[in-house]
C-alpha atoms as a PDB file:
ATOM      1  CA  MET A   1      25.961  -2.575  -6.992  1.00  0.00           C
ATOM      2  CA  THR A   2      28.350  -0.893  -9.458  1.00  0.00           C
ATOM      3  CA  MET A   3      28.124   2.773 -10.546  1.00  0.00           C
ATOM      4  CA  ASN A   4      27.104   1.611 -14.095  1.00  0.00           C
ATOM      5  CA  SER A   5      24.204  -0.613 -12.772  1.00  0.00           C
ATOM      6  CA  THR A   6      23.040   2.174 -10.495  1.00  0.00           C
ATOM      7  CA  VAL A   7      22.857   4.702 -13.363  1.00  0.00           C
ATOM      8  CA  LYS A   8      21.143   2.091 -15.580  1.00  0.00           C
ATOM      9  CA  ARG A   9      18.545   1.380 -12.795  1.00  0.00           C
ATOM     10  CA  ILE A  10      17.785   5.044 -12.389  1.00  0.00           C
ATOM     11  CA  PHE A  11      17.478   5.687 -16.100  1.00  0.00           C
ATOM     12  CA  LEU A  12      15.323   2.570 -16.642  1.00  0.00           C
ATOM     13  CA  THR A  13      13.035   3.588 -13.729  1.00  0.00           C
ATOM     14  CA  ALA A  14      12.580   7.170 -14.996  1.00  0.00           C
ATOM     15  CA  ALA A  15      12.120   6.072 -18.648  1.00  0.00           C
ATOM     16  CA  LEU A  16       9.494   3.385 -17.799  1.00  0.00           C
ATOM     17  CA  GLY A  17       7.693   5.637 -15.372  1.00  0.00           C
ATOM     18  CA  THR A  18       7.388   8.285 -18.138  1.00  0.00           C
ATOM     19  CA  ALA A  19       6.260   5.684 -20.685  1.00  0.00           C
ATOM     20  CA  LEU A  20       3.621   4.362 -18.340  1.00  0.00           C
ATOM     21  CA  ALA A  21       2.309   7.699 -17.458  1.00  0.00           C
ATOM     22  CA  LEU A  22       2.122   8.749 -21.141  1.00  0.00           C
ATOM     23  CA  GLY A  23       0.408   5.500 -21.912  1.00  0.00           C
ATOM     24  CA  GLY A  24      -2.331   6.272 -19.456  1.00  0.00           C
ATOM     25  CA  GLY A  25      -2.678   9.921 -20.421  1.00  0.00           C
ATOM     26  CA  ALA A  26      -0.693  13.013 -19.671  1.00  0.00           C
ATOM     27  CA  LEU A  27       2.548  12.940 -17.546  1.00  0.00           C
ATOM     28  CA  SER A  28       1.781  14.345 -14.056  1.00  0.00           C
ATOM     29  CA  PRO A  29       3.977  17.233 -12.735  1.00  0.00           C
ATOM     30  CA  ALA A  30       6.343  16.353  -9.876  1.00  0.00           C
ATOM     31  CA  GLY A  31       3.965  17.910  -7.275  1.00  0.00           C
ATOM     32  CA  ALA A  32       0.835  16.222  -8.575  1.00  0.00           C
ATOM     33  CA  GLN A  33      -1.476  13.982  -6.535  1.00  0.00           C
ATOM     34  CA  VAL A  34      -2.623  10.555  -7.540  1.00  0.00           C
ATOM     35  CA  VAL A  35      -6.161  10.130  -6.222  1.00  0.00           C
ATOM     36  CA  GLU A  36      -8.203   7.039  -6.995  1.00  0.00           C
ATOM     37  CA  ARG A  37     -11.641   6.856  -5.452  1.00  0.00           C
ATOM     38  CA  PHE A  38     -12.733   3.610  -7.279  1.00  0.00           C
ATOM     39  CA  ALA A  39     -15.914   5.235  -8.471  1.00  0.00           C
ATOM     40  CA  SER A  40     -15.469   3.349 -11.752  1.00  0.00           C
ATOM     41  CA  ASP A  41     -13.792   0.074 -12.721  1.00  0.00           C
ATOM     42  CA  PRO A  42      -9.991   0.473 -12.662  1.00  0.00           C
ATOM     43  CA  LEU A  43      -9.626  -2.992 -14.215  1.00  0.00           C
ATOM     44  CA  SER A  44     -11.203  -1.672 -17.416  1.00  0.00           C
ATOM     45  CA  ASN A  45      -9.396   1.716 -17.119  1.00  0.00           C
ATOM     46  CA  ALA A  46     -12.753   3.525 -17.027  1.00  0.00           C
ATOM     47  CA  GLY A  47     -11.538   6.014 -14.429  1.00  0.00           C
ATOM     48  CA  ARG A  48      -9.210   8.945 -14.283  1.00  0.00           C
ATOM     49  CA  ASN A  49      -6.055   6.814 -13.589  1.00  0.00           C
ATOM     50  CA  ALA A  50      -4.721   4.156 -15.920  1.00  0.00           C
ATOM     51  CA  PHE A  51      -4.060   0.808 -14.120  1.00  0.00           C
ATOM     52  CA  PHE A  52      -1.794  -1.915 -15.205  1.00  0.00           C
ATOM     53  CA  THR A  53      -2.313  -5.527 -14.268  1.00  0.00           C
ATOM     54  CA  GLU A  54       0.143  -8.370 -13.452  1.00  0.00           C
ATOM     55  CA  GLY A  55      -0.393 -12.004 -12.510  1.00  0.00           C
ATOM     56  CA  ASP A  56      -3.812 -13.674 -12.084  1.00  0.00           C
ATOM     57  CA  VAL A  57      -5.823 -10.499 -11.627  1.00  0.00           C
ATOM     58  CA  ALA A  58      -9.127 -12.102 -12.439  1.00  0.00           C
ATOM     59  CA  ALA A  59      -8.904 -14.466  -9.500  1.00  0.00           C
ATOM     60  CA  ARG A  60      -7.953 -11.611  -7.006  1.00  0.00           C
ATOM     61  CA  PHE A  61      -9.628  -8.392  -7.970  1.00  0.00           C
ATOM     62  CA  THR A  62     -13.269  -7.669  -8.678  1.00  0.00           C
ATOM     63  CA  TYR A  63     -14.919  -4.357  -9.199  1.00  0.00           C
ATOM     64  CA  ILE A  64     -18.396  -4.200  -7.686  1.00  0.00           C
ATOM     65  CA  ALA A  65     -20.200  -1.230  -9.259  1.00  0.00           C
ATOM     66  CA  GLU A  66     -23.477  -1.613  -7.258  1.00  0.00           C
ATOM     67  CA  GLU A  67     -21.740  -1.670  -3.834  1.00  0.00           C
ATOM     68  CA  PRO A  68     -23.269   1.112  -1.743  1.00  0.00           C
ATOM     69  CA  SER A  69     -21.037   3.818  -0.344  1.00  0.00           C
ATOM     70  CA  HIS A  70     -19.307   2.710   2.821  1.00  0.00           C
ATOM     71  CA  PHE A  71     -19.290   6.122   4.486  1.00  0.00           C
ATOM     72  CA  PRO A  72     -20.329   9.704   3.707  1.00  0.00           C
ATOM     73  CA  ALA A  73     -18.245  11.194   0.774  1.00  0.00           C
ATOM     74  CA  ASP A  74     -17.544   7.688  -0.402  1.00  0.00           C
ATOM     75  CA  ARG A  75     -18.777   6.905  -3.813  1.00  0.00           C
ATOM     76  CA  GLU A  76     -20.896   3.931  -4.982  1.00  0.00           C
ATOM     77  CA  GLY A  77     -18.733   1.060  -6.143  1.00  0.00           C
ATOM     78  CA  THR A  78     -15.631  -0.587  -4.514  1.00  0.00           C
ATOM     79  CA  LEU A  79     -12.707  -2.578  -5.577  1.00  0.00           C
ATOM     80  CA  ARG A  80     -12.786  -5.925  -3.814  1.00  0.00           C
ATOM     81  CA  VAL A  81      -9.510  -7.850  -3.356  1.00  0.00           C
ATOM     82  CA  LEU A  82      -9.251 -11.525  -2.323  1.00  0.00           C
ATOM     83  CA  TYR A  83      -6.184 -12.096  -0.225  1.00  0.00           C
ATOM     84  CA  ASP A  84      -6.047 -15.963  -0.641  1.00  0.00           C
ATOM     85  CA  THR A  85      -2.546 -17.318  -0.330  1.00  0.00           C
ATOM     86  CA  THR A  86      -3.352 -20.463  -2.251  1.00  0.00           C
ATOM     87  CA  LEU A  87      -3.892 -18.382  -5.511  1.00  0.00           C
ATOM     88  CA  PRO A  88      -1.190 -17.080  -7.835  1.00  0.00           C
ATOM     89  CA  ALA A  89       0.162 -13.643  -7.035  1.00  0.00           C
ATOM     90  CA  ALA A  90      -1.472 -10.610  -8.672  1.00  0.00           C
ATOM     91  CA  ARG A  91      -1.307  -6.930  -8.498  1.00  0.00           C
ATOM     92  CA  ILE A  92      -2.631  -3.696 -10.124  1.00  0.00           C
ATOM     93  CA  SER A  93      -0.749  -0.374 -10.236  1.00  0.00           C
ATOM     94  CA  THR A  94      -1.053   3.153 -11.589  1.00  0.00           C
ATOM     95  CA  PRO A  95       1.838   5.494 -12.466  1.00  0.00           C
ATOM     96  CA  ILE A  96       2.734   8.198 -10.005  1.00  0.00           C
ATOM     97  CA  GLY A  97       4.160  10.313 -12.845  1.00  0.00           C
ATOM     98  CA  HIS A  98       7.629  10.718 -11.250  1.00  0.00           C
ATOM     99  CA  VAL A  99      10.172   8.766  -9.145  1.00  0.00           C
ATOM    100  CA  LEU A 100      10.095   8.869  -5.304  1.00  0.00           C
ATOM    101  CA  THR A 101      13.046   7.936  -3.186  1.00  0.00           C
ATOM    102  CA  THR A 102      14.597   8.813   0.162  1.00  0.00           C
ATOM    103  CA  ASP A 103      15.792  12.279  -0.738  1.00  0.00           C
ATOM    104  CA  ALA A 104      12.348  13.926  -0.334  1.00  0.00           C
ATOM    105  CA  ASP A 105       9.275  13.860   1.862  1.00  0.00           C
ATOM    106  CA  PHE A 106       6.159  12.210   0.477  1.00  0.00           C
ATOM    107  CA  ASP A 107       2.783  10.831   1.595  1.00  0.00           C
ATOM    108  CA  PHE A 108       0.591   8.030   0.367  1.00  0.00           C
ATOM    109  CA  GLY A 109      -2.125   5.786   1.704  1.00  0.00           C
ATOM    110  CA  ALA A 110      -5.525   4.104   1.294  1.00  0.00           C
ATOM    111  CA  ILE A 111      -8.983   3.620   2.741  1.00  0.00           C
ATOM    112  CA  LEU A 112      -9.774  -0.021   3.064  1.00  0.00           C
ATOM    113  CA  THR A 113     -12.266  -2.313   4.824  1.00  0.00           C
ATOM    114  CA  ILE A 114     -11.365  -5.822   5.993  1.00  0.00           C
ATOM    115  CA  ARG A 115     -14.486  -7.930   5.749  1.00  0.00           C
ATOM    116  CA  SER A 116     -15.264 -10.484   8.487  1.00  0.00           C
ATOM    117  CA  GLY A 117     -17.279 -12.722   6.232  1.00  0.00           C
ATOM    118  CA  GLY A 118     -15.243 -15.757   5.147  1.00  0.00           C
ATOM    119  CA  PHE A 119     -12.149 -14.513   6.979  1.00  0.00           C
ATOM    120  CA  PHE A 120      -9.479 -17.083   7.892  1.00  0.00           C
ATOM    121  CA  ALA A 121      -5.975 -16.559   9.216  1.00  0.00           C
ATOM    122  CA  ASP A 122      -3.969 -19.670  10.147  1.00  0.00           C
ATOM    123  CA  PRO A 123      -2.383 -19.175  13.514  1.00  0.00           C
ATOM    124  CA  ASN A 124       0.676 -20.992  12.181  1.00  0.00           C
ATOM    125  CA  GLY A 125       0.838 -18.770   9.131  1.00  0.00           C
ATOM    126  CA  PHE A 126       2.214 -15.289   8.499  1.00  0.00           C
ATOM    127  CA  SER A 127       0.696 -13.565   5.390  1.00  0.00           C
ATOM    128  CA  GLN A 128      -0.264 -10.017   4.640  1.00  0.00           C
ATOM    129  CA  ILE A 129      -2.874  -7.698   3.350  1.00  0.00           C
ATOM    130  CA  ALA A 130      -0.768  -5.364   1.184  1.00  0.00           C
ATOM    131  CA  PHE A 131      -0.716  -2.211  -0.878  1.00  0.00           C
ATOM    132  CA  GLY A 132       1.995   0.349  -1.471  1.00  0.00           C
ATOM    133  CA  LEU A 133       4.486   1.907  -3.911  1.00  0.00           C
ATOM    134  CA  TRP A 134       6.874  -0.022  -6.173  1.00  0.00           C
ATOM    135  CA  ASN A 135       9.010   0.132  -9.328  1.00  0.00           C
ATOM    136  CA  ALA A 136       7.414  -0.933 -12.596  1.00  0.00           C
ATOM    137  CA  ALA A 137      10.694  -2.103 -13.906  1.00  0.00           C
ATOM    138  CA  THR A 138      12.438  -3.818 -10.955  1.00  0.00           C
ATOM    139  CA  THR A 139       9.823  -5.014  -8.393  1.00  0.00           C
ATOM    140  CA  GLY A 140       8.883  -8.647  -8.854  1.00  0.00           C
ATOM    141  CA  LEU A 141       5.837 -10.494  -7.589  1.00  0.00           C
ATOM    142  CA  ASN A 142       7.733 -12.926  -5.391  1.00  0.00           C
ATOM    143  CA  ARG A 143       7.483 -10.785  -2.200  1.00  0.00           C
ATOM    144  CA  THR A 144       7.051 -13.887   0.056  1.00  0.00           C
ATOM    145  CA  GLY A 145       9.884 -16.044  -1.388  1.00  0.00           C
ATOM    146  CA  PHE A 146      13.405 -16.313  -0.359  1.00  0.00           C
ATOM    147  CA  PRO A 147      15.330 -15.238  -2.347  1.00  0.00           C
ATOM    148  CA  SER A 148      12.770 -12.528  -3.185  1.00  0.00           C
ATOM    149  CA  ASP A 149      12.619 -10.354  -6.360  1.00  0.00           C
ATOM    150  CA  SER A 150      10.590  -7.524  -4.765  1.00  0.00           C
ATOM    151  CA  PHE A 151      13.331  -4.829  -4.962  1.00  0.00           C
ATOM    152  CA  ASP A 152      12.252  -1.167  -4.738  1.00  0.00           C
ATOM    153  CA  LEU A 153       9.024  -1.687  -2.718  1.00  0.00           C
ATOM    154  CA  VAL A 154       7.533   0.467  -0.026  1.00  0.00           C
ATOM    155  CA  GLY A 155       4.724  -1.519   1.436  1.00  0.00           C
ATOM    156  CA  PHE A 156       1.721  -1.564   3.809  1.00  0.00           C
ATOM    157  CA  ASP A 157       1.749  -5.068   5.301  1.00  0.00           C
ATOM    158  CA  TYR A 158      -0.832  -6.162   7.818  1.00  0.00           C
ATOM    159  CA  PHE A 159      -0.388  -9.724   9.159  1.00  0.00           C
ATOM    160  CA  PRO A 160      -3.761 -10.761  10.807  1.00  0.00           C
ATOM    161  CA  ASN A 161      -2.486 -14.142  11.852  1.00  0.00           C
ATOM    162  CA  ALA A 162      -2.353 -14.609  15.644  1.00  0.00           C
ATOM    163  CA  GLY A 163      -0.459 -17.582  17.104  1.00  0.00           C
ATOM    164  CA  MET A 164       1.897 -18.678  19.774  1.00  0.00           C
ATOM    165  CA  PHE A 165       4.315 -15.838  18.922  1.00  0.00           C
ATOM    166  CA  GLY A 166       1.716 -13.094  19.163  1.00  0.00           C
ATOM    167  CA  GLY A 167      -0.088 -11.101  16.569  1.00  0.00           C
ATOM    168  CA  PRO A 168      -1.768  -9.695  14.581  1.00  0.00           C
ATOM    169  CA  PHE A 169       1.063  -7.500  13.437  1.00  0.00           C
ATOM    170  CA  LEU A 170       1.110  -4.260  11.538  1.00  0.00           C
ATOM    171  CA  SER A 171       4.541  -4.456   9.831  1.00  0.00           C
ATOM    172  CA  PRO A 172       5.246  -2.145   6.954  1.00  0.00           C
ATOM    173  CA  GLY A 173       8.316  -3.303   4.939  1.00  0.00           C
ATOM    174  CA  VAL A 174      10.639  -1.396   2.680  1.00  0.00           C
ATOM    175  CA  PHE A 175      12.952  -2.924   0.117  1.00  0.00           C
ATOM    176  CA  GLY A 176      15.781  -0.972  -1.447  1.00  0.00           C
ATOM    177  CA  GLY A 177      17.684  -1.678  -4.682  1.00  0.00           C
ATOM    178  CA  ASN A 178      19.022  -5.088  -5.671  1.00  0.00           C
ATOM    179  CA  ILE A 179      21.755  -6.653  -3.558  1.00  0.00           C
ATOM    180  CA  LEU A 180      23.058 -10.078  -4.659  1.00  0.00           C
ATOM    181  CA  ASP A 181      19.611 -10.813  -6.277  1.00  0.00           C
ATOM    182  CA  ASN A 182      17.693 -11.135  -2.954  1.00  0.00           C
ATOM    183  CA  ALA A 183      15.484  -8.242  -1.902  1.00  0.00           C
ATOM    184  CA  PHE A 184      15.733  -9.318   1.836  1.00  0.00           C
ATOM    185  CA  PHE A 185      19.391  -8.472   1.794  1.00  0.00           C
ATOM    186  CA  ASN A 186      18.365  -4.775   1.562  1.00  0.00           C
ATOM    187  CA  PHE A 187      15.275  -4.618   3.729  1.00  0.00           C
ATOM    188  CA  ALA A 188      13.810  -2.594   6.602  1.00  0.00           C
ATOM    189  CA  PHE A 189      10.694  -3.101   8.691  1.00  0.00           C
ATOM    190  CA  ALA A 190       9.121  -2.355  11.976  1.00  0.00           C
ATOM    191  CA  SER A 191       6.101  -3.893  13.763  1.00  0.00           C
ATOM    192  CA  ALA A 192       3.271  -3.134  16.176  1.00  0.00           C
ATOM    193  CA  GLU A 193       1.195  -5.815  17.668  1.00  0.00           C
ATOM    194  CA  VAL A 194      -2.329  -4.672  17.043  1.00  0.00           C
ATOM    195  CA  ALA A 195      -5.575  -6.133  15.804  1.00  0.00           C
ATOM    196  CA  LEU A 196      -7.303  -3.901  13.116  1.00  0.00           C
ATOM    197  CA  PRO A 197     -11.106  -3.973  13.349  1.00  0.00           C
ATOM    198  CA  PHE A 198     -13.324  -5.791  10.841  1.00  0.00           C
ATOM    199  CA  ASP A 199     -16.106  -4.228   8.755  1.00  0.00           C
ATOM    200  CA  VAL A 200     -15.175  -0.647   9.328  1.00  0.00           C
ATOM    201  CA  PRO A 201     -13.340   1.665   6.887  1.00  0.00           C
ATOM    202  CA  LEU A 202      -9.708   2.144   7.845  1.00  0.00           C
ATOM    203  CA  LEU A 203      -7.588   5.062   6.782  1.00  0.00           C
ATOM    204  CA  CYS A 204      -3.913   4.045   6.390  1.00  0.00           C
ATOM    205  CA  GLN A 205      -1.588   6.995   6.135  1.00  0.00           C
ATOM    206  CA  PHE A 206       2.127   6.887   5.334  1.00  0.00           C
ATOM    207  CA  HIS A 207       4.549   9.796   5.677  1.00  0.00           C
ATOM    208  CA  HIS A 208       8.143   9.652   4.546  1.00  0.00           C
ATOM    209  CA  ASN A 209      10.450  11.962   6.480  1.00  0.00           C
ATOM    210  CA  ALA A 210      13.576  12.381   4.333  1.00  0.00           C
ATOM    211  CA  ALA A 211      15.537  14.279   7.025  1.00  0.00           C
ATOM    212  CA  GLU A 212      14.980  11.526   9.603  1.00  0.00           C
ATOM    213  CA  ARG A 213      15.116   8.767   7.014  1.00  0.00           C
ATOM    214  CA  ARG A 214      11.988   7.287   8.446  1.00  0.00           C
ATOM    215  CA  LEU A 215       8.709   5.964   7.067  1.00  0.00           C
ATOM    216  CA  ASN A 216       5.862   6.538   9.397  1.00  0.00           C
ATOM    217  CA  LEU A 217       2.466   4.650   9.303  1.00  0.00           C
ATOM    218  CA  LYS A 218      -0.716   5.527  11.220  1.00  0.00           C
ATOM    219  CA  VAL A 219      -4.066   3.764  10.870  1.00  0.00           C
ATOM    220  CA  SER A 220      -7.433   5.298  11.824  1.00  0.00           C
ATOM    221  CA  ARG A 221     -10.929   3.995  11.879  1.00  0.00           C
ATOM    222  CA  HIS A 222     -14.038   5.717  10.525  1.00  0.00           C
ATOM    223  CA  ILE A 223     -16.116   7.227  13.308  1.00  0.00           C
ATOM    224  CA  SER A 224     -18.664   9.543  11.555  1.00  0.00           C
ATOM    225  CA  GLY A 225     -19.100  11.654   8.556  1.00  0.00           C
ATOM    226  CA  VAL A 226     -15.815  12.147   6.776  1.00  0.00           C
ATOM    227  CA  THR A 227     -13.853  11.841   9.979  1.00  0.00           C
ATOM    228  CA  PHE A 228     -11.492   9.148  11.191  1.00  0.00           C
ATOM    229  CA  GLU A 229      -9.995   8.470  14.568  1.00  0.00           C
ATOM    230  CA  ARG A 230      -6.531   7.098  15.370  1.00  0.00           C
ATOM    231  CA  ILE A 231      -6.519   3.471  16.512  1.00  0.00           C
ATOM    232  CA  GLN A 232      -4.562   3.100  19.701  1.00  0.00           C
ATOM    233  CA  GLY A 233      -1.304   1.173  19.000  1.00  0.00           C
ATOM    234  CA  ALA A 234      -1.648   1.297  15.205  1.00  0.00           C
ATOM    235  CA  THR A 235       1.386   3.469  14.637  1.00  0.00           C
ATOM    236  CA  VAL A 236       4.737   2.240  13.229  1.00  0.00           C
ATOM    237  CA  SER A 237       7.961   3.951  12.330  1.00  0.00           C
ATOM    238  CA  VAL A 238      10.488   2.257  10.057  1.00  0.00           C
ATOM    239  CA  ASP A 239      14.196   3.281  10.107  1.00  0.00           C
ATOM    240  CA  LEU A 240      15.413   3.393   6.515  1.00  0.00           C
ATOM    241  CA  SER A 241      19.009   4.615   7.340  1.00  0.00           C
ATOM    242  CA  ARG A 242      20.572   1.301   6.407  1.00  0.00           C
ATOM    243  CA  LEU A 243      18.961   0.864   3.044  1.00  0.00           C
ATOM    244  CA  ASP A 244      21.666   1.084   0.391  1.00  0.00           C
ATOM    245  CA  PRO A 245      20.992   1.550  -2.416  1.00  0.00           C
ATOM    246  CA  ALA A 246      17.677   3.330  -1.593  1.00  0.00           C
ATOM    247  CA  PHE A 247      14.348   2.446  -3.202  1.00  0.00           C
ATOM    248  CA  LEU A 248      13.204   4.082  -6.473  1.00  0.00           C
ATOM    249  CA  VAL A 249       9.463   3.800  -6.920  1.00  0.00           C
ATOM    250  CA  ASN A 250       7.223   5.141  -9.703  1.00  0.00           C
ATOM    251  CA  VAL A 251       3.781   3.357  -9.309  1.00  0.00           C
ATOM    252  CA  ALA A 252       1.172   2.967  -6.603  1.00  0.00           C
ATOM    253  CA  GLY A 253      -0.962  -0.126  -6.279  1.00  0.00           C
ATOM    254  CA  ILE A 254      -2.437  -3.028  -4.543  1.00  0.00           C
ATOM    255  CA  ALA A 255      -0.840  -6.472  -4.314  1.00  0.00           C
ATOM    256  CA  ALA A 256      -2.015  -9.976  -3.267  1.00  0.00           C
ATOM    257  CA  TYR A 257       0.733 -12.526  -2.772  1.00  0.00           C
ATOM    258  CA  PHE A 258       1.102 -16.342  -3.045  1.00  0.00           C
ATOM    259  CA  GLU A 259       2.276 -18.646  -0.235  1.00  0.00           C
ATOM    260  CA  GLY A 260       1.406 -22.118  -1.543  1.00  0.00           C
ATOM    261  CA  TYR A 261      -0.911 -23.053   1.382  1.00  0.00           C
ATOM    262  CA  SER A 262      -3.868 -21.660   3.115  1.00  0.00           C
ATOM    263  CA  SER A 263      -2.283 -19.173   5.458  1.00  0.00           C
ATOM    264  CA  LEU A 264      -4.753 -16.293   4.875  1.00  0.00           C
ATOM    265  CA  ARG A 265      -8.126 -15.743   3.196  1.00  0.00           C
ATOM    266  CA  ALA A 266      -9.442 -12.234   3.500  1.00  0.00           C
ATOM    267  CA  THR A 267     -11.753 -10.022   1.499  1.00  0.00           C
ATOM    268  CA  VAL A 268     -10.865  -6.397   1.525  1.00  0.00           C
ATOM    269  CA  ASP A 269     -12.651  -3.414  -0.113  1.00  0.00           C
ATOM    270  CA  TYR A 270     -10.693  -0.433  -1.365  1.00  0.00           C
ATOM    271  CA  ASP A 271     -12.358   2.886  -1.631  1.00  0.00           C
ATOM    272  CA  LEU A 272      -9.352   5.177  -1.896  1.00  0.00           C
ATOM    273  CA  LEU A 273      -5.676   4.946  -3.053  1.00  0.00           C
ATOM    274  CA  TYR A 274      -3.659   8.183  -3.065  1.00  0.00           C
ATOM    275  CA  VAL A 275      -0.151   9.636  -3.354  1.00  0.00           C
ATOM    276  CA  GLY A 276       0.297  13.124  -1.947  1.00  0.00           C
ATOM    277  CA  GLY A 277      -1.530  14.775   0.831  1.00  0.00           C
ATOM    278  CA  LEU A 278      -4.651  13.250   2.243  1.00  0.00           C
ATOM    279  CA  PRO A 279      -7.367  14.270  -0.197  1.00  0.00           C
ATOM    280  CA  ALA A 280     -10.289  16.385   0.845  1.00  0.00           C
ATOM    281  CA  PRO A 281     -12.765  16.132   2.489  1.00  0.00           C
ATOM    282  CA  PHE A 282     -11.318  13.478   4.810  1.00  0.00           C
ATOM    283  CA  GLY A 283      -9.898  14.379   8.207  1.00  0.00           C
ATOM    284  CA  VAL A 284      -8.433  12.627  11.322  1.00  0.00           C
ATOM    285  CA  VAL A 285      -9.300  13.258  14.988  1.00  0.00           C
ATOM    286  CA  ASN A 286      -6.829  12.743  17.796  1.00  0.00           C
ATOM    287  CA  ARG A 287      -9.113  11.801  20.662  1.00  0.00           C
ATOM    288  CA  ARG A 288      -6.852  13.187  23.371  1.00  0.00           C
ATOM    289  CA  LEU A 289      -6.472  16.485  21.610  1.00  0.00           C
ATOM    290  CA  ALA A 290     -10.163  16.549  20.735  1.00  0.00           C
ATOM    291  CA  ALA A 291     -11.077  16.141  24.365  1.00  0.00           C
ATOM    292  CA  ALA A 292      -8.919  19.253  25.062  1.00  0.00           C
ATOM    293  CA  GLY A 293     -10.507  21.388  22.318  1.00  0.00           C
ATOM    294  CA  ALA A 294     -11.700  19.457  19.202  1.00  0.00           C
ATOM    295  CA  VAL A 295      -8.735  19.232  16.994  1.00  0.00           C
ATOM    296  CA  THR A 296      -8.967  17.818  13.458  1.00  0.00           C
ATOM    297  CA  VAL A 297      -5.814  17.175  11.294  1.00  0.00           C
ATOM    298  CA  ARG A 298      -5.301  15.993   7.846  1.00  0.00           C
END
């Protein structure tokens, strides 16, 4: 990538991010949190955050206003996402209000519930449940293709398929800037072989450590009240030191990808999407530390 193209990419990212944020309301300051509790329909922009849609959203995303709360402090209503790999790709996103890259620490995550009803994962397939951060100007929808156009993407990817090569896999993937028009030429990932439980709210927490150039993911399950407990083995750390150019991301959202055959069909409810520190009142218990003296961390 030339210096001119790098400068152009940075300028376009910042300009579009500002335009999106202003289009949805006021521009957030650099330290602001994005917190979406899905207490109202994000598809009609009825909530506090403006959401932008791409692809066949109507086939993938449904807001269910009458859905009872899934745990204490959850609110009535949920965003239900259909991960069906035979359907065209679609995603929704909301502006962060600034640009995130590898030069600073940041956090983001979600609370989601993978429903057992109607679930299917082909043992010969490899398809993901996904959310994350991306670039409104440069990140395409063809995440699963080769070549891929999903530049500048920091993604939660859970592949529930289990076959002869193992699985399921928790495999967050990170794409940097464009190299030779194929996102997989500038890509980092790491995997943990772990099955996430069905029908229980899961807290998925990312922390980017700028000094170590690592993206760390931990997944916890709801146990009681507003408390979640770490799932053994559901921890992954991605080395970002070889990404060049680094990612530039300015929106947070949920994505459902196309494969062209029935590799995965899963219904997932989202009750929280956030950028910044874990919002109150949620907390996480480490069972080993709790046994030694009841320690709760956020």
